[in-house]
Amino acid sequence: MDATTGADGAVTAVVDAGGEPWERVQALLERRLYDLPPEGLLEVVTVDRHVSAVLPDWCSAAGGTLLATTETADATSFLLRVPARTEPPVTTTDLPEIP
């Protein structure tokens, strides 16, 4: 994840997920989402069609807002607004394993 700074409206961070599978992208986003300032902008770029299919629903479930989706011949880019809350929710990675 590359962090950038800028005036209001500037992207706060970019995740270039390349062809990584959803499971890896999801884990990264869940770990880092709350490191970003509340209501910051996060851009996620992927070439994986499955990531493109599930990211909008994940964004909504995480409390974020999908602002824009841009598709090119090579990749799909999503612009997300980070949730306003400051405490991360419990994620599946936080739950104990059931024996």
Protein backbone atom coordinates (compact mmCIF):
# COMPACT_ATOMS: atom_id res chain seq x y z
CA MET A 1 0.00 0.00 0.00
CA ASP A 2 1.46 3.34 -1.04
CA ALA A 3 0.45 6.30 1.12
CA THR A 4 0.24 9.77 -0.37
CA THR A 5 -0.74 13.14 0.99
CA GLY A 6 -2.58 15.96 -0.66
CA ALA A 7 -5.33 18.51 -0.44
CA ASP A 8 -8.93 17.54 0.24
CA GLY A 9 -10.09 15.15 -2.42
CA ALA A 10 -6.65 13.69 -2.96
CA VAL A 11 -6.25 9.94 -2.73
CA THR A 12 -4.85 9.01 0.69
CA ALA A 13 -3.51 5.58 -0.30
CA VAL A 14 -3.30 3.27 -3.31
CA VAL A 15 -3.41 -0.52 -3.19
CA ASP A 16 -2.10 -1.99 -6.45
CA ALA A 17 -3.38 -5.53 -6.01
CA GLY A 18 -2.27 -6.66 -9.45
CA GLY A 19 -3.45 -10.23 -9.96
CA GLU A 20 -3.54 -11.16 -6.27
CA PRO A 21 -6.53 -13.32 -5.27
CA TRP A 22 -9.37 -11.84 -3.22
CA GLU A 23 -8.32 -13.63 -0.03
CA ARG A 24 -4.97 -11.79 0.00
CA VAL A 25 -6.48 -8.45 -1.03
CA GLN A 26 -9.21 -8.74 1.62
CA ALA A 27 -6.70 -9.56 4.36
CA LEU A 28 -4.57 -6.53 3.41
CA LEU A 29 -7.56 -4.20 3.31
CA GLU A 30 -8.90 -5.44 6.65
CA ARG A 31 -5.49 -4.96 8.30
CA ARG A 32 -4.82 -1.52 6.88
CA LEU A 33 -8.20 0.14 6.37
CA TYR A 34 -8.23 1.73 9.82
CA ASP A 35 -4.64 2.96 9.51
CA LEU A 36 -6.01 5.54 7.10
CA PRO A 37 -7.63 8.78 8.26
CA PRO A 38 -11.42 8.62 8.72
CA GLU A 39 -13.20 9.42 5.46
CA GLY A 40 -9.90 9.29 3.55
CA LEU A 41 -9.84 8.11 -0.04
CA LEU A 42 -8.45 4.70 -0.97
CA GLU A 43 -7.83 3.57 -4.53
CA VAL A 44 -7.68 -0.17 -5.22
CA VAL A 45 -6.41 -1.38 -8.60
CA THR A 46 -6.82 -5.01 -9.67
CA VAL A 47 -6.63 -7.22 -12.74
CA ASP A 48 -8.43 -10.11 -11.01
CA ARG A 49 -12.07 -10.40 -12.10
CA HIS A 50 -13.12 -12.04 -8.83
CA VAL A 51 -11.69 -9.13 -6.82
CA SER A 52 -13.62 -6.75 -9.08
CA ALA A 53 -16.82 -8.70 -8.45
CA VAL A 54 -16.65 -8.84 -4.65
CA LEU A 55 -14.91 -5.57 -3.70
CA PRO A 56 -18.05 -3.36 -3.90
CA ASP A 57 -19.97 -5.60 -1.46
CA TRP A 58 -16.96 -5.83 0.87
CA CYS A 59 -16.65 -2.02 0.84
CA SER A 60 -20.27 -1.62 1.88
CA ALA A 61 -20.00 -4.29 4.59
CA ALA A 62 -16.85 -2.60 5.96
CA GLY A 63 -18.72 0.71 6.28
CA GLY A 64 -17.00 2.40 3.37
CA THR A 65 -18.47 4.05 0.30
CA LEU A 66 -17.68 3.08 -3.28
CA LEU A 67 -17.32 6.42 -5.08
CA ALA A 68 -16.20 5.34 -8.54
CA THR A 69 -15.21 2.36 -10.64
CA THR A 70 -13.02 2.75 -13.71
CA GLU A 71 -12.41 -0.14 -16.09
CA THR A 72 -9.68 -0.23 -18.72
CA ALA A 73 -8.57 -3.03 -21.00
CA ASP A 74 -5.95 -4.03 -18.41
CA ALA A 75 -7.36 -3.33 -14.95
CA THR A 76 -10.23 -2.11 -12.81
CA SER A 77 -9.75 0.78 -10.38
CA PHE A 78 -12.04 1.44 -7.41
CA LEU A 79 -12.16 4.69 -5.46
CA LEU A 80 -13.40 4.10 -1.90
CA ARG A 81 -14.15 6.46 0.98
CA VAL A 82 -12.85 5.00 4.24
CA PRO A 83 -15.43 4.67 7.05
CA ALA A 84 -15.76 7.62 9.44
CA ARG A 85 -15.52 5.40 12.53
CA THR A 86 -12.17 5.16 14.26
CA GLU A 87 -12.44 1.70 15.80
CA PRO A 88 -12.03 -1.28 13.50
CA PRO A 89 -14.86 -3.81 13.52
CA VAL A 90 -14.23 -7.44 14.38
CA THR A 91 -13.17 -9.21 11.21
CA THR A 92 -13.01 -12.87 10.38
CA THR A 93 -9.25 -12.76 10.99
CA ASP A 94 -9.92 -11.65 14.60
CA LEU A 95 -12.15 -14.59 15.49
CA PRO A 96 -10.69 -17.60 17.30
CA GLU A 97 -10.63 -20.92 15.50
CA ILE A 98 -13.25 -23.43 16.53
CA PRO A 99 -11.73 -26.83 17.30
